[in-house]
Amino acid sequence: LISPATPFANRVWLRRILEEGTGQLMWLDKHFSSAAFESIWEAAQGQRVSRIRILSLYLENEHSGRKVKRDFTNLRTDLAARQIVLEWRVIASQDIKDTHDRWIISDSTARNVPNVNAITSGQHSELNRSDQRAELARVFESYWAAAAPIESAWDPNA
């Protein structure tokens, strides 16, 4: 349970969910926030995870600043040293309008999770296991194919 009464535990639960995954992690959160970078860094170990893919909308106010760009680049560099590939793609809202929930999917697990801001701000929510891992992965892959690397949103000439 995510709750305003447990701000530290909220972040611990997110890290634990990231740690339980194996192979590649796929994180779909339309309103992804760089506040999750620290949890990703803490949880990602190269012997368990080889690739992390984040899929979100491009949020001008959230994703355009120098700090987000720098933190993403630095996190990607740190994870590469652990033999983990980090990618972040953005998708147009009309291309994902038929999906509401947020998911963290790996080769071994799937979770329905609130958005990062709900977790970090402690809005009442739950982090639920899903028995639909294969279907969620299929949906994620279809969106991933329609998305562009976030760097193209940062640099229109990329």
C-alpha atoms as a PDB file:
ATOM      1  CA  LEU A   1       0.000   0.000   0.000  1.00  0.00           C
ATOM      2  CA  ILE A   2       1.227   3.465  -0.911  1.00  0.00           C
ATOM      3  CA  SER A   3       0.162   6.007   1.673  1.00  0.00           C
ATOM      4  CA  PRO A   4       0.937   9.551   2.807  1.00  0.00           C
ATOM      5  CA  ALA A   5       1.651   8.061   6.244  1.00  0.00           C
ATOM      6  CA  THR A   6       4.584   5.983   4.900  1.00  0.00           C
ATOM      7  CA  PRO A   7       6.754   8.229   2.692  1.00  0.00           C
ATOM      8  CA  PHE A   8       9.951   6.222   3.205  1.00  0.00           C
ATOM      9  CA  ALA A   9       8.239   2.858   2.771  1.00  0.00           C
ATOM     10  CA  ASN A  10       6.646   4.051  -0.477  1.00  0.00           C
ATOM     11  CA  ARG A  11      10.080   4.382  -2.076  1.00  0.00           C
ATOM     12  CA  VAL A  12      11.244   1.096  -0.563  1.00  0.00           C
ATOM     13  CA  TRP A  13       8.269  -0.711  -2.107  1.00  0.00           C
ATOM     14  CA  LEU A  14       9.089   0.756  -5.517  1.00  0.00           C
ATOM     15  CA  ARG A  15      12.710  -0.361  -5.229  1.00  0.00           C
ATOM     16  CA  ARG A  16      11.653  -3.862  -4.166  1.00  0.00           C
ATOM     17  CA  ILE A  17       9.346  -4.181  -7.152  1.00  0.00           C
ATOM     18  CA  LEU A  18      12.170  -3.146  -9.452  1.00  0.00           C
ATOM     19  CA  GLU A  19      14.496  -5.629  -7.728  1.00  0.00           C
ATOM     20  CA  GLU A  20      12.124  -8.577  -8.184  1.00  0.00           C
ATOM     21  CA  GLY A  21      12.301  -8.368 -11.972  1.00  0.00           C
ATOM     22  CA  THR A  22      14.712 -10.364 -14.105  1.00  0.00           C
ATOM     23  CA  GLY A  23      15.940 -10.103 -17.677  1.00  0.00           C
ATOM     24  CA  GLN A  24      14.583  -6.884 -19.062  1.00  0.00           C
ATOM     25  CA  LEU A  25      12.401  -4.411 -17.212  1.00  0.00           C
ATOM     26  CA  MET A  26       9.702  -2.576 -19.138  1.00  0.00           C
ATOM     27  CA  TRP A  27       8.120   0.363 -17.328  1.00  0.00           C
ATOM     28  CA  LEU A  28       5.069   2.028 -18.840  1.00  0.00           C
ATOM     29  CA  ASP A  29       4.089   5.201 -17.010  1.00  0.00           C
ATOM     30  CA  LYS A  30       2.480   7.941 -19.084  1.00  0.00           C
ATOM     31  CA  HIS A  31       3.545  10.508 -16.485  1.00  0.00           C
ATOM     32  CA  PHE A  32       6.975   9.081 -15.693  1.00  0.00           C
ATOM     33  CA  SER A  33       9.084  11.306 -13.485  1.00  0.00           C
ATOM     34  CA  SER A  34      12.843  11.364 -13.095  1.00  0.00           C
ATOM     35  CA  ALA A  35      12.206  10.990  -9.359  1.00  0.00           C
ATOM     36  CA  ALA A  36      12.323   7.241 -10.134  1.00  0.00           C
ATOM     37  CA  PHE A  37      15.927   7.350 -11.344  1.00  0.00           C
ATOM     38  CA  GLU A  38      17.302   6.839  -7.849  1.00  0.00           C
ATOM     39  CA  SER A  39      15.143   3.754  -7.281  1.00  0.00           C
ATOM     40  CA  ILE A  40      16.241   2.358 -10.644  1.00  0.00           C
ATOM     41  CA  TRP A  41      19.907   2.936  -9.778  1.00  0.00           C
ATOM     42  CA  GLU A  42      19.494   1.277  -6.372  1.00  0.00           C
ATOM     43  CA  ALA A  43      17.620  -1.753  -7.712  1.00  0.00           C
ATOM     44  CA  ALA A  44      19.375  -2.533 -11.002  1.00  0.00           C
ATOM     45  CA  GLN A  45      21.998  -5.252 -10.826  1.00  0.00           C
ATOM     46  CA  GLY A  46      23.614  -6.562 -14.012  1.00  0.00           C
ATOM     47  CA  GLN A  47      23.505 -10.202 -12.943  1.00  0.00           C
ATOM     48  CA  ARG A  48      19.669 -10.011 -12.812  1.00  0.00           C
ATOM     49  CA  VAL A  49      18.727  -7.321 -15.316  1.00  0.00           C
ATOM     50  CA  SER A  50      20.173  -6.668 -18.767  1.00  0.00           C
ATOM     51  CA  ARG A  51      17.914  -3.928 -20.111  1.00  0.00           C
ATOM     52  CA  ILE A  52      15.545  -1.305 -18.711  1.00  0.00           C
ATOM     53  CA  ARG A  53      13.052   0.388 -21.005  1.00  0.00           C
ATOM     54  CA  ILE A  54      10.926   3.324 -19.872  1.00  0.00           C
ATOM     55  CA  LEU A  55       7.928   4.398 -21.941  1.00  0.00           C
ATOM     56  CA  SER A  56       6.036   7.621 -21.249  1.00  0.00           C
ATOM     57  CA  LEU A  57       4.433  10.648 -22.762  1.00  0.00           C
ATOM     58  CA  TYR A  58       6.730  13.620 -23.294  1.00  0.00           C
ATOM     59  CA  LEU A  59       5.857  16.086 -20.542  1.00  0.00           C
ATOM     60  CA  GLU A  60       7.381  19.440 -21.437  1.00  0.00           C
ATOM     61  CA  ASN A  61       7.422  20.764 -17.856  1.00  0.00           C
ATOM     62  CA  GLU A  62       8.796  17.505 -16.426  1.00  0.00           C
ATOM     63  CA  HIS A  63      11.193  16.256 -19.096  1.00  0.00           C
ATOM     64  CA  SER A  64      12.737  19.271 -20.825  1.00  0.00           C
ATOM     65  CA  GLY A  65      15.078  20.615 -18.153  1.00  0.00           C
ATOM     66  CA  ARG A  66      18.853  20.260 -18.097  1.00  0.00           C
ATOM     67  CA  LYS A  67      18.736  18.317 -14.808  1.00  0.00           C
ATOM     68  CA  VAL A  68      16.505  15.566 -16.250  1.00  0.00           C
ATOM     69  CA  LYS A  69      18.720  15.260 -19.324  1.00  0.00           C
ATOM     70  CA  ARG A  70      21.887  15.150 -17.220  1.00  0.00           C
ATOM     71  CA  ASP A  71      20.451  12.684 -14.711  1.00  0.00           C
ATOM     72  CA  PHE A  72      19.214  10.353 -17.459  1.00  0.00           C
ATOM     73  CA  THR A  73      22.579  10.453 -19.234  1.00  0.00           C
ATOM     74  CA  ASN A  74      24.447   9.840 -15.981  1.00  0.00           C
ATOM     75  CA  LEU A  75      22.143   6.998 -14.963  1.00  0.00           C
ATOM     76  CA  ARG A  76      22.564   5.383 -18.383  1.00  0.00           C
ATOM     77  CA  THR A  77      26.352   5.630 -18.011  1.00  0.00           C
ATOM     78  CA  ASP A  78      26.302   4.129 -14.504  1.00  0.00           C
ATOM     79  CA  LEU A  79      24.039   1.267 -15.585  1.00  0.00           C
ATOM     80  CA  ALA A  80      26.158   0.567 -18.671  1.00  0.00           C
ATOM     81  CA  ALA A  81      29.076  -0.059 -16.298  1.00  0.00           C
ATOM     82  CA  ARG A  82      26.871  -2.783 -14.762  1.00  0.00           C
ATOM     83  CA  GLN A  83      26.171  -4.218 -18.234  1.00  0.00           C
ATOM     84  CA  ILE A  84      22.604  -2.822 -18.259  1.00  0.00           C
ATOM     85  CA  VAL A  85      21.164  -0.937 -21.228  1.00  0.00           C
ATOM     86  CA  LEU A  86      18.842   1.933 -20.273  1.00  0.00           C
ATOM     87  CA  GLU A  87      16.420   3.345 -22.833  1.00  0.00           C
ATOM     88  CA  TRP A  88      13.602   5.873 -22.562  1.00  0.00           C
ATOM     89  CA  ARG A  89      11.066   6.420 -25.287  1.00  0.00           C
ATOM     90  CA  VAL A  90       8.167   8.818 -25.528  1.00  0.00           C
ATOM     91  CA  ILE A  91       4.899   8.220 -27.310  1.00  0.00           C
ATOM     92  CA  ALA A  92       2.191  10.585 -28.531  1.00  0.00           C
ATOM     93  CA  SER A  93      -0.875  10.633 -26.290  1.00  0.00           C
ATOM     94  CA  GLN A  94      -3.185   9.690 -29.169  1.00  0.00           C
ATOM     95  CA  ASP A  95      -1.110   6.531 -29.728  1.00  0.00           C
ATOM     96  CA  ILE A  96      -1.644   5.306 -26.170  1.00  0.00           C
ATOM     97  CA  LYS A  97      -5.063   6.719 -25.313  1.00  0.00           C
ATOM     98  CA  ASP A  98      -6.549   3.226 -24.949  1.00  0.00           C
ATOM     99  CA  THR A  99      -4.364   2.492 -21.892  1.00  0.00           C
ATOM    100  CA  HIS A 100      -4.821   3.947 -18.434  1.00  0.00           C
ATOM    101  CA  ASP A 101      -2.773   1.809 -16.053  1.00  0.00           C
ATOM    102  CA  ARG A 102       0.957   1.853 -15.397  1.00  0.00           C
ATOM    103  CA  TRP A 103       3.010  -1.340 -15.426  1.00  0.00           C
ATOM    104  CA  ILE A 104       6.411  -2.630 -14.510  1.00  0.00           C
ATOM    105  CA  ILE A 105       6.988  -5.830 -16.463  1.00  0.00           C
ATOM    106  CA  SER A 106      10.001  -8.125 -16.500  1.00  0.00           C
ATOM    107  CA  ASP A 107      10.784 -11.536 -17.930  1.00  0.00           C
ATOM    108  CA  SER A 108       9.474 -13.075 -14.704  1.00  0.00           C
ATOM    109  CA  THR A 109       6.877 -10.702 -13.223  1.00  0.00           C
ATOM    110  CA  ALA A 110       4.353  -7.979 -13.923  1.00  0.00           C
ATOM    111  CA  ARG A 111       2.954  -5.313 -11.625  1.00  0.00           C
ATOM    112  CA  ASN A 112       0.211  -2.774 -11.960  1.00  0.00           C
ATOM    113  CA  VAL A 113       1.603   0.327 -10.256  1.00  0.00           C
ATOM    114  CA  PRO A 114       0.579   3.956  -9.739  1.00  0.00           C
ATOM    115  CA  ASN A 115       2.547   6.661 -11.519  1.00  0.00           C
ATOM    116  CA  VAL A 116       5.873   7.721 -10.050  1.00  0.00           C
ATOM    117  CA  ASN A 117       4.488  11.000  -8.704  1.00  0.00           C
ATOM    118  CA  ALA A 118       1.723   9.154  -6.839  1.00  0.00           C
ATOM    119  CA  ILE A 119       4.338   6.911  -5.230  1.00  0.00           C
ATOM    120  CA  THR A 120       6.720   9.698  -4.269  1.00  0.00           C
ATOM    121  CA  SER A 121       3.959  11.992  -3.019  1.00  0.00           C
ATOM    122  CA  GLY A 122       2.268   9.158  -1.110  1.00  0.00           C
ATOM    123  CA  GLN A 123      -1.146   9.205  -2.738  1.00  0.00           C
ATOM    124  CA  HIS A 124      -3.206   6.231  -1.589  1.00  0.00           C
ATOM    125  CA  SER A 125      -2.682   3.443  -4.089  1.00  0.00           C
ATOM    126  CA  GLU A 126      -1.561  -0.160  -4.441  1.00  0.00           C
ATOM    127  CA  LEU A 127       1.240  -2.013  -6.197  1.00  0.00           C
ATOM    128  CA  ASN A 128      -0.485  -5.153  -7.450  1.00  0.00           C
ATOM    129  CA  ARG A 129       0.835  -8.313  -9.067  1.00  0.00           C
ATOM    130  CA  SER A 130      -0.667  -9.134 -12.433  1.00  0.00           C
ATOM    131  CA  ASP A 131      -1.111 -12.587 -13.887  1.00  0.00           C
ATOM    132  CA  GLN A 132      -1.230 -11.013 -17.378  1.00  0.00           C
ATOM    133  CA  ARG A 133       2.546 -10.687 -17.862  1.00  0.00           C
ATOM    134  CA  ALA A 134       2.612 -12.015 -21.433  1.00  0.00           C
ATOM    135  CA  GLU A 135      -0.264  -9.820 -22.612  1.00  0.00           C
ATOM    136  CA  LEU A 136       1.123  -6.719 -20.888  1.00  0.00           C
ATOM    137  CA  ALA A 137       4.518  -7.343 -22.504  1.00  0.00           C
ATOM    138  CA  ARG A 138       2.838  -7.652 -25.910  1.00  0.00           C
ATOM    139  CA  VAL A 139       1.000  -4.348 -25.396  1.00  0.00           C
ATOM    140  CA  PHE A 140       4.187  -2.663 -24.186  1.00  0.00           C
ATOM    141  CA  GLU A 141       6.102  -3.874 -27.261  1.00  0.00           C
ATOM    142  CA  SER A 142       3.448  -2.480 -29.607  1.00  0.00           C
ATOM    143  CA  TYR A 143       3.658   0.921 -27.936  1.00  0.00           C
ATOM    144  CA  TRP A 144       7.463   0.776 -27.856  1.00  0.00           C
ATOM    145  CA  ALA A 145       7.519   0.288 -31.628  1.00  0.00           C
ATOM    146  CA  ALA A 146       5.404   3.448 -32.064  1.00  0.00           C
ATOM    147  CA  ALA A 147       7.529   5.562 -29.712  1.00  0.00           C
ATOM    148  CA  ALA A 148      10.683   7.627 -30.249  1.00  0.00           C
ATOM    149  CA  PRO A 149      13.794   7.975 -28.067  1.00  0.00           C
ATOM    150  CA  ILE A 150      13.379  10.836 -25.618  1.00  0.00           C
ATOM    151  CA  GLU A 151      16.511  12.428 -27.061  1.00  0.00           C
ATOM    152  CA  SER A 152      14.520  13.194 -30.232  1.00  0.00           C
ATOM    153  CA  ALA A 153      12.114  15.263 -28.111  1.00  0.00           C
ATOM    154  CA  TRP A 154      15.039  17.088 -26.551  1.00  0.00           C
ATOM    155  CA  ASP A 155      16.717  17.719 -29.897  1.00  0.00           C
ATOM    156  CA  PRO A 156      14.382  18.044 -32.901  1.00  0.00           C
ATOM    157  CA  ASN A 157      17.364  17.360 -35.219  1.00  0.00           C
ATOM    158  CA  ALA A 158      18.168  13.998 -33.584  1.00  0.00           C
END
